[in-house]
N, C-alpha and C. Protein backbone atom coordinates (compact mmCIF):
# COMPACT_ATOMS: atom_id res chain seq x y z
N MET A 1 -20.91 -31.29 37.84
CA MET A 1 -20.15 -30.37 38.66
C MET A 1 -20.78 -29.00 38.57
N ALA A 2 -21.07 -28.40 39.66
CA ALA A 2 -21.72 -27.10 39.62
C ALA A 2 -20.65 -26.03 39.34
N SER A 3 -21.08 -25.04 38.52
CA SER A 3 -20.11 -23.97 38.19
C SER A 3 -20.21 -22.87 39.25
N LYS A 4 -19.09 -22.29 39.52
CA LYS A 4 -19.07 -21.10 40.46
C LYS A 4 -19.25 -19.84 39.69
N THR A 5 -20.00 -18.97 40.26
CA THR A 5 -20.15 -17.66 39.60
C THR A 5 -19.47 -16.63 40.50
N ARG A 6 -18.96 -15.66 39.86
CA ARG A 6 -18.26 -14.62 40.63
C ARG A 6 -19.04 -13.35 40.41
N ASN A 7 -18.94 -12.47 41.38
CA ASN A 7 -19.49 -11.12 41.20
C ASN A 7 -18.44 -10.30 40.57
N LEU A 8 -18.55 -10.11 39.28
CA LEU A 8 -17.64 -9.26 38.51
C LEU A 8 -18.06 -7.86 38.55
N PRO A 9 -17.01 -6.87 38.61
CA PRO A 9 -17.36 -5.53 38.64
C PRO A 9 -18.04 -4.99 37.41
N GLY A 10 -18.94 -4.07 37.61
CA GLY A 10 -19.52 -3.35 36.51
C GLY A 10 -18.64 -2.26 35.99
N ALA A 11 -19.00 -1.70 34.83
CA ALA A 11 -18.26 -0.57 34.29
C ALA A 11 -18.15 0.53 35.36
N GLY A 12 -16.91 1.07 35.53
CA GLY A 12 -16.71 2.11 36.51
C GLY A 12 -16.28 1.58 37.86
N GLU A 13 -16.29 0.29 38.08
CA GLU A 13 -15.90 -0.30 39.36
C GLU A 13 -14.58 -1.00 39.27
N CYS A 14 -13.81 -0.91 40.36
CA CYS A 14 -12.60 -1.58 40.39
C CYS A 14 -11.65 -1.29 39.29
N LYS A 15 -11.07 -2.31 38.66
CA LYS A 15 -10.17 -2.07 37.47
C LYS A 15 -10.91 -1.68 36.26
N ARG A 16 -12.23 -1.67 36.30
CA ARG A 16 -13.07 -1.14 35.21
C ARG A 16 -13.37 0.35 35.43
N GLY A 17 -12.75 0.89 36.45
CA GLY A 17 -12.95 2.32 36.83
C GLY A 17 -11.65 3.04 36.56
N THR A 18 -11.50 4.23 37.16
CA THR A 18 -10.47 5.18 36.85
C THR A 18 -9.05 4.57 37.11
N GLN A 19 -8.95 3.54 37.87
CA GLN A 19 -7.65 2.89 38.17
C GLN A 19 -7.26 1.81 37.18
N GLY A 20 -8.15 1.59 36.21
CA GLY A 20 -7.90 0.52 35.26
C GLY A 20 -6.89 0.93 34.21
N HIS A 21 -6.41 -0.07 33.41
CA HIS A 21 -5.42 0.22 32.38
C HIS A 21 -6.14 1.02 31.29
N ILE A 22 -5.44 2.02 30.82
CA ILE A 22 -6.05 2.99 29.93
C ILE A 22 -6.51 2.29 28.64
N GLY A 23 -5.73 1.32 28.16
CA GLY A 23 -6.20 0.53 26.97
C GLY A 23 -7.56 -0.15 27.16
N TYR A 24 -7.65 -0.78 28.27
CA TYR A 24 -8.95 -1.42 28.57
C TYR A 24 -10.06 -0.44 28.70
N LEU A 25 -9.79 0.74 29.35
CA LEU A 25 -10.79 1.72 29.49
C LEU A 25 -11.21 2.31 28.14
N LEU A 26 -10.32 2.43 27.23
CA LEU A 26 -10.70 2.85 25.89
C LEU A 26 -11.52 1.78 25.16
N ARG A 27 -11.16 0.51 25.36
CA ARG A 27 -11.96 -0.60 24.78
C ARG A 27 -13.36 -0.64 25.40
N GLN A 28 -13.42 -0.46 26.75
CA GLN A 28 -14.71 -0.45 27.51
C GLN A 28 -15.63 0.67 26.93
N ALA A 29 -15.00 1.85 26.74
CA ALA A 29 -15.83 2.98 26.21
C ALA A 29 -16.24 2.73 24.79
N HIS A 30 -15.36 2.14 23.96
CA HIS A 30 -15.71 1.80 22.56
C HIS A 30 -16.95 0.85 22.60
N GLY A 31 -16.82 -0.14 23.46
CA GLY A 31 -17.88 -1.17 23.49
C GLY A 31 -19.26 -0.55 23.89
N ALA A 32 -19.24 0.41 24.78
CA ALA A 32 -20.45 1.08 25.23
C ALA A 32 -20.94 1.88 24.02
N LEU A 33 -20.06 2.62 23.38
CA LEU A 33 -20.47 3.45 22.20
C LEU A 33 -21.04 2.57 21.09
N ARG A 34 -20.37 1.43 20.82
CA ARG A 34 -20.80 0.50 19.78
C ARG A 34 -22.16 -0.03 20.08
N GLY A 35 -22.44 -0.41 21.26
CA GLY A 35 -23.77 -0.90 21.62
C GLY A 35 -24.84 0.08 21.43
N ALA A 36 -24.51 1.35 21.90
CA ALA A 36 -25.49 2.39 21.72
C ALA A 36 -25.78 2.73 20.25
N LEU A 37 -24.67 2.79 19.42
CA LEU A 37 -24.88 2.98 18.04
C LEU A 37 -25.65 1.86 17.34
N ASP A 38 -25.27 0.61 17.66
CA ASP A 38 -26.03 -0.50 17.05
C ASP A 38 -27.52 -0.40 17.38
N ALA A 39 -27.91 -0.01 18.60
CA ALA A 39 -29.34 0.06 18.96
C ALA A 39 -29.98 1.23 18.26
N ALA A 40 -29.28 2.31 18.07
CA ALA A 40 -29.85 3.51 17.44
C ALA A 40 -30.00 3.28 15.90
N LEU A 41 -29.05 2.56 15.28
CA LEU A 41 -29.09 2.45 13.83
C LEU A 41 -29.95 1.29 13.30
N VAL A 42 -30.20 0.31 14.14
CA VAL A 42 -31.01 -0.85 13.73
C VAL A 42 -32.32 -0.41 13.26
N GLU A 43 -32.94 0.60 13.95
CA GLU A 43 -34.28 1.07 13.53
C GLU A 43 -34.26 1.74 12.11
N ALA A 44 -33.05 2.25 11.73
CA ALA A 44 -33.00 2.85 10.43
C ALA A 44 -32.49 1.86 9.40
N GLY A 45 -32.28 0.62 9.78
CA GLY A 45 -31.90 -0.43 8.85
C GLY A 45 -30.43 -0.56 8.43
N LEU A 46 -29.53 -0.03 9.30
CA LEU A 46 -28.05 -0.17 9.08
C LEU A 46 -27.41 -0.74 10.30
N THR A 47 -26.26 -1.41 10.02
CA THR A 47 -25.39 -1.80 11.13
C THR A 47 -24.38 -0.68 11.33
N THR A 48 -23.71 -0.72 12.41
CA THR A 48 -22.67 0.32 12.70
C THR A 48 -21.56 0.29 11.66
N PRO A 49 -21.01 -0.89 11.24
CA PRO A 49 -20.03 -0.89 10.17
C PRO A 49 -20.58 -0.38 8.79
N GLN A 50 -21.89 -0.67 8.50
CA GLN A 50 -22.39 -0.14 7.27
C GLN A 50 -22.53 1.41 7.35
N PHE A 51 -22.94 1.92 8.49
CA PHE A 51 -22.99 3.33 8.71
C PHE A 51 -21.59 3.95 8.53
N LEU A 52 -20.53 3.37 9.14
CA LEU A 52 -19.18 3.78 8.96
C LEU A 52 -18.77 3.89 7.50
N VAL A 53 -19.05 2.84 6.71
CA VAL A 53 -18.68 2.81 5.33
C VAL A 53 -19.45 3.94 4.54
N LEU A 54 -20.74 4.08 4.77
CA LEU A 54 -21.49 5.14 4.14
C LEU A 54 -20.98 6.53 4.52
N THR A 55 -20.70 6.74 5.77
CA THR A 55 -20.17 7.99 6.26
C THR A 55 -18.82 8.33 5.64
N LEU A 56 -17.99 7.36 5.51
CA LEU A 56 -16.61 7.56 4.83
C LEU A 56 -16.82 7.84 3.35
N LEU A 57 -17.73 7.17 2.64
CA LEU A 57 -17.94 7.37 1.24
C LEU A 57 -18.63 8.80 1.06
N ASP A 58 -19.36 9.23 1.99
CA ASP A 58 -19.87 10.57 1.90
C ASP A 58 -18.77 11.59 2.02
N ALA A 59 -17.78 11.31 2.88
CA ALA A 59 -16.68 12.24 3.03
C ALA A 59 -15.65 12.15 1.90
N TYR A 60 -15.54 10.90 1.40
CA TYR A 60 -14.43 10.62 0.34
C TYR A 60 -15.08 9.96 -0.85
N PRO A 61 -15.97 10.65 -1.58
CA PRO A 61 -16.64 9.98 -2.75
C PRO A 61 -15.61 9.47 -3.78
N GLY A 62 -15.90 8.35 -4.31
CA GLY A 62 -14.97 7.72 -5.29
C GLY A 62 -13.86 6.91 -4.74
N ALA A 63 -13.83 6.79 -3.39
CA ALA A 63 -12.83 5.92 -2.77
C ALA A 63 -13.14 4.49 -3.21
N SER A 64 -12.09 3.69 -3.17
CA SER A 64 -12.18 2.25 -3.42
C SER A 64 -12.49 1.51 -2.09
N GLY A 65 -12.78 0.26 -2.24
CA GLY A 65 -13.04 -0.58 -1.07
C GLY A 65 -11.70 -0.67 -0.24
N ALA A 66 -10.61 -0.73 -0.97
CA ALA A 66 -9.28 -0.83 -0.21
C ALA A 66 -9.01 0.47 0.51
N ASP A 67 -9.37 1.57 -0.13
CA ASP A 67 -9.17 2.94 0.52
C ASP A 67 -10.03 2.92 1.80
N ILE A 68 -11.28 2.53 1.67
CA ILE A 68 -12.20 2.51 2.89
C ILE A 68 -11.68 1.57 4.01
N ALA A 69 -11.22 0.45 3.55
CA ALA A 69 -10.68 -0.52 4.55
C ALA A 69 -9.55 0.08 5.37
N ARG A 70 -8.63 0.77 4.70
CA ARG A 70 -7.51 1.34 5.37
C ARG A 70 -7.96 2.41 6.40
N ILE A 71 -8.86 3.30 6.00
CA ILE A 71 -9.17 4.42 6.92
C ILE A 71 -10.19 3.96 7.92
N ALA A 72 -11.00 2.94 7.67
CA ALA A 72 -11.97 2.42 8.63
C ALA A 72 -11.29 1.41 9.56
N GLN A 73 -10.06 1.03 9.25
CA GLN A 73 -9.34 0.01 10.07
C GLN A 73 -10.10 -1.29 10.09
N LEU A 74 -10.59 -1.66 8.95
CA LEU A 74 -11.25 -2.96 8.73
C LEU A 74 -10.54 -3.74 7.65
N THR A 75 -10.73 -5.04 7.66
CA THR A 75 -9.99 -5.83 6.69
C THR A 75 -10.69 -5.59 5.26
N PRO A 76 -9.92 -5.75 4.20
CA PRO A 76 -10.56 -5.61 2.83
C PRO A 76 -11.71 -6.55 2.64
N GLN A 77 -11.62 -7.78 3.23
CA GLN A 77 -12.71 -8.72 3.07
C GLN A 77 -13.92 -8.31 3.75
N THR A 78 -13.79 -7.71 4.97
CA THR A 78 -14.97 -7.19 5.68
C THR A 78 -15.67 -6.04 4.94
N VAL A 79 -14.80 -5.08 4.39
CA VAL A 79 -15.34 -4.01 3.62
C VAL A 79 -16.05 -4.56 2.43
N ASN A 80 -15.39 -5.53 1.74
CA ASN A 80 -16.07 -6.08 0.58
C ASN A 80 -17.44 -6.65 0.82
N LEU A 81 -17.59 -7.36 1.98
CA LEU A 81 -18.94 -7.87 2.35
C LEU A 81 -19.97 -6.71 2.65
N ILE A 82 -19.43 -5.68 3.34
CA ILE A 82 -20.27 -4.55 3.57
C ILE A 82 -20.70 -3.83 2.33
N VAL A 83 -19.73 -3.59 1.46
CA VAL A 83 -20.06 -2.98 0.16
C VAL A 83 -21.03 -3.75 -0.66
N ARG A 84 -20.86 -5.03 -0.71
CA ARG A 84 -21.77 -5.87 -1.41
C ARG A 84 -23.18 -5.78 -0.90
N LYS A 85 -23.35 -5.83 0.39
CA LYS A 85 -24.69 -5.67 0.99
C LYS A 85 -25.24 -4.32 0.77
N LEU A 86 -24.47 -3.28 0.86
CA LEU A 86 -24.97 -1.85 0.58
C LEU A 86 -25.33 -1.72 -0.91
N ALA A 87 -24.54 -2.35 -1.74
CA ALA A 87 -24.88 -2.22 -3.18
C ALA A 87 -26.12 -3.05 -3.55
N ASP A 88 -26.30 -4.22 -2.91
CA ASP A 88 -27.51 -4.98 -3.13
C ASP A 88 -28.83 -4.18 -2.65
N GLY A 89 -28.56 -3.41 -1.58
CA GLY A 89 -29.64 -2.55 -1.08
C GLY A 89 -29.84 -1.25 -1.79
N LYS A 90 -29.03 -1.11 -2.85
CA LYS A 90 -29.05 0.13 -3.69
C LYS A 90 -28.70 1.37 -2.93
N LEU A 91 -27.81 1.23 -1.94
CA LEU A 91 -27.35 2.42 -1.13
C LEU A 91 -26.01 2.95 -1.61
N LEU A 92 -25.38 2.18 -2.41
CA LEU A 92 -24.13 2.70 -3.07
C LEU A 92 -23.96 2.03 -4.41
N GLY A 93 -23.20 2.72 -5.30
CA GLY A 93 -22.93 2.19 -6.64
C GLY A 93 -21.38 2.06 -6.75
N ARG A 94 -21.06 1.13 -7.69
CA ARG A 94 -19.65 0.86 -8.03
C ARG A 94 -19.39 1.13 -9.44
N ASN A 95 -18.32 1.95 -9.68
CA ASN A 95 -17.92 2.26 -11.04
C ASN A 95 -16.49 1.95 -11.29
N GLU A 96 -16.14 1.58 -12.49
CA GLU A 96 -14.70 1.21 -12.83
C GLU A 96 -13.87 2.49 -12.70
N HIS A 97 -12.67 2.26 -12.19
CA HIS A 97 -11.63 3.36 -12.09
C HIS A 97 -11.23 3.66 -13.57
N GLU A 98 -10.89 4.90 -13.84
CA GLU A 98 -10.61 5.34 -15.18
C GLU A 98 -9.35 4.64 -15.75
N THR A 99 -8.37 4.34 -14.84
CA THR A 99 -7.11 3.74 -15.37
C THR A 99 -6.78 2.31 -14.78
N HIS A 100 -7.38 1.98 -13.66
CA HIS A 100 -7.07 0.76 -13.05
C HIS A 100 -8.31 -0.17 -13.13
N GLY A 101 -8.26 -1.12 -14.07
CA GLY A 101 -9.41 -1.97 -14.40
C GLY A 101 -10.01 -2.78 -13.23
N ARG A 102 -9.12 -3.19 -12.27
CA ARG A 102 -9.57 -3.95 -11.20
C ARG A 102 -10.16 -3.15 -10.04
N VAL A 103 -9.88 -1.86 -10.10
CA VAL A 103 -10.32 -0.97 -8.97
C VAL A 103 -11.71 -0.42 -9.24
N LEU A 104 -12.59 -0.49 -8.21
CA LEU A 104 -13.88 0.01 -8.39
C LEU A 104 -14.05 1.24 -7.50
N ARG A 105 -14.55 2.32 -8.06
CA ARG A 105 -14.82 3.62 -7.20
C ARG A 105 -16.24 3.38 -6.67
N LEU A 106 -16.39 3.79 -5.45
CA LEU A 106 -17.70 3.64 -4.75
C LEU A 106 -18.31 5.03 -4.54
N ALA A 107 -19.63 5.10 -4.66
CA ALA A 107 -20.30 6.33 -4.41
C ALA A 107 -21.72 6.09 -3.84
N LEU A 108 -22.14 6.93 -3.05
CA LEU A 108 -23.51 6.88 -2.50
C LEU A 108 -24.54 7.12 -3.58
N THR A 109 -25.64 6.37 -3.52
CA THR A 109 -26.79 6.56 -4.39
C THR A 109 -27.72 7.58 -3.68
N THR A 110 -28.73 8.06 -4.38
CA THR A 110 -29.70 8.95 -3.72
C THR A 110 -30.31 8.26 -2.55
N ALA A 111 -30.68 6.99 -2.65
CA ALA A 111 -31.23 6.23 -1.44
C ALA A 111 -30.19 6.17 -0.37
N GLY A 112 -28.95 5.97 -0.75
CA GLY A 112 -27.85 5.85 0.25
C GLY A 112 -27.69 7.21 1.03
N ARG A 113 -27.79 8.32 0.34
CA ARG A 113 -27.70 9.59 1.02
C ARG A 113 -28.85 9.82 1.98
N ALA A 114 -30.04 9.44 1.50
CA ALA A 114 -31.18 9.57 2.40
C ALA A 114 -31.17 8.74 3.64
N ARG A 115 -30.69 7.54 3.50
CA ARG A 115 -30.54 6.57 4.62
C ARG A 115 -29.48 7.16 5.59
N LEU A 116 -28.34 7.59 4.98
CA LEU A 116 -27.23 8.04 5.81
C LEU A 116 -27.70 9.37 6.57
N ALA A 117 -28.50 10.20 5.96
CA ALA A 117 -28.98 11.38 6.69
C ALA A 117 -29.79 10.98 7.91
N ARG A 118 -30.66 10.03 7.72
CA ARG A 118 -31.52 9.53 8.87
C ARG A 118 -30.57 8.96 9.94
N CYS A 119 -29.60 8.23 9.53
CA CYS A 119 -28.68 7.52 10.53
C CYS A 119 -27.77 8.55 11.23
N LYS A 120 -27.35 9.61 10.55
CA LYS A 120 -26.54 10.58 11.08
C LYS A 120 -27.28 11.29 12.20
N LEU A 121 -28.57 11.54 12.15
CA LEU A 121 -29.35 12.13 13.16
C LEU A 121 -29.39 11.21 14.41
N ARG A 122 -29.55 9.94 14.14
CA ARG A 122 -29.55 8.99 15.26
C ARG A 122 -28.16 8.91 15.94
N ALA A 123 -27.11 8.93 15.09
CA ALA A 123 -25.69 8.87 15.62
C ALA A 123 -25.38 10.15 16.44
N ALA A 124 -25.83 11.30 15.95
CA ALA A 124 -25.64 12.50 16.63
C ALA A 124 -26.22 12.55 17.98
N ALA A 125 -27.44 11.89 18.22
CA ALA A 125 -28.07 11.83 19.48
C ALA A 125 -27.17 10.97 20.45
N VAL A 126 -26.57 9.86 19.91
CA VAL A 126 -25.70 9.05 20.70
C VAL A 126 -24.49 9.83 21.09
N GLU A 127 -23.92 10.61 20.22
CA GLU A 127 -22.71 11.43 20.53
C GLU A 127 -23.05 12.47 21.55
N ARG A 128 -24.24 13.08 21.39
CA ARG A 128 -24.65 14.06 22.46
C ARG A 128 -24.69 13.44 23.82
N GLU A 129 -25.21 12.25 23.90
CA GLU A 129 -25.28 11.55 25.25
C GLU A 129 -23.80 11.23 25.64
N LEU A 130 -22.97 10.85 24.72
CA LEU A 130 -21.66 10.49 25.02
C LEU A 130 -20.89 11.72 25.63
N LEU A 131 -21.16 12.88 25.14
CA LEU A 131 -20.50 14.09 25.65
C LEU A 131 -21.31 14.92 26.66
N SER A 132 -22.42 14.33 27.14
CA SER A 132 -23.24 15.09 28.10
C SER A 132 -22.36 15.26 29.36
N GLY A 133 -22.44 16.47 29.86
CA GLY A 133 -21.65 16.77 31.05
C GLY A 133 -20.25 17.19 30.80
N VAL A 134 -19.79 17.23 29.54
CA VAL A 134 -18.51 17.67 29.14
C VAL A 134 -18.54 19.06 28.52
N ASP A 135 -17.81 19.96 29.09
CA ASP A 135 -17.85 21.35 28.61
C ASP A 135 -16.98 21.39 27.25
N ALA A 136 -17.12 22.50 26.55
CA ALA A 136 -16.50 22.61 25.25
C ALA A 136 -14.99 22.46 25.25
N ALA A 137 -14.38 23.17 26.33
CA ALA A 137 -12.90 23.06 26.48
C ALA A 137 -12.42 21.67 26.69
N THR A 138 -13.16 20.94 27.57
CA THR A 138 -12.78 19.56 27.93
C THR A 138 -12.98 18.70 26.64
N GLU A 139 -14.06 18.87 25.87
CA GLU A 139 -14.35 18.11 24.64
C GLU A 139 -13.18 18.40 23.68
N ALA A 140 -12.70 19.61 23.56
CA ALA A 140 -11.64 19.93 22.62
C ALA A 140 -10.37 19.16 23.07
N LYS A 141 -10.08 19.11 24.36
CA LYS A 141 -8.94 18.35 24.89
C LYS A 141 -9.05 16.86 24.59
N ILE A 142 -10.24 16.35 24.84
CA ILE A 142 -10.49 14.87 24.60
C ILE A 142 -10.19 14.62 23.10
N ARG A 143 -10.79 15.42 22.26
CA ARG A 143 -10.64 15.19 20.82
C ARG A 143 -9.12 15.24 20.42
N ALA A 144 -8.44 16.26 20.93
CA ALA A 144 -7.04 16.41 20.64
C ALA A 144 -6.24 15.19 21.12
N TRP A 145 -6.54 14.67 22.34
CA TRP A 145 -5.87 13.56 22.90
C TRP A 145 -6.11 12.32 22.09
N LEU A 146 -7.38 12.09 21.69
CA LEU A 146 -7.66 10.91 20.83
C LEU A 146 -6.94 10.93 19.55
N VAL A 147 -6.87 12.09 18.84
CA VAL A 147 -6.15 12.16 17.67
C VAL A 147 -4.68 12.00 17.92
N SER A 148 -4.15 12.50 18.97
CA SER A 148 -2.77 12.34 19.34
C SER A 148 -2.46 10.81 19.49
N VAL A 149 -3.26 10.11 20.23
CA VAL A 149 -3.14 8.65 20.43
C VAL A 149 -3.07 8.01 19.06
N ALA A 150 -4.00 8.27 18.20
CA ALA A 150 -4.05 7.63 16.92
C ALA A 150 -2.86 7.98 16.04
N THR A 151 -2.23 9.11 16.19
CA THR A 151 -1.11 9.43 15.33
C THR A 151 0.15 9.06 15.95
N ARG A 152 0.32 8.92 17.24
CA ARG A 152 1.56 8.59 17.91
C ARG A 152 1.75 7.12 18.18
N VAL A 153 0.70 6.48 18.52
CA VAL A 153 0.74 5.01 18.98
C VAL A 153 0.35 4.22 17.72
N ARG A 154 1.35 3.48 17.22
CA ARG A 154 1.12 2.69 15.99
C ARG A 154 1.43 1.21 16.26
N SER A 155 0.80 0.36 15.55
CA SER A 155 1.10 -1.07 15.66
C SER A 155 2.28 -1.50 14.75
């Protein structure tokens, strides 16, 4: 039996355009950003989730894997796999917590900081493209709205 193909709309067309559901449009935009980040970071030897974990550890040194999972909105199991891979690559270290024996504090190594610096340059180029054509006042409004969504709309 031959399968029928449909001409589905591209990004920006029909319900994938300004008349689409806002939740879907956010997901569509996230997908485009994720694809662009994946392509930019692969040349530097990191995945987007690995970049996220390194970025968060740079901002919050000594955080545990559970801490990172919460703020990255990833499962602890996923973060554990990412941390293991980054530790195997000597990009981060794990040290025992002073009072909680089962908790490990995570920190970037010198190699991790160097890799993160290279990746931040690549990610910044993607963000510049993302914001191209947006003036500073509009960017500030977009940022405020996104933060508002994240703090008001909860699961």
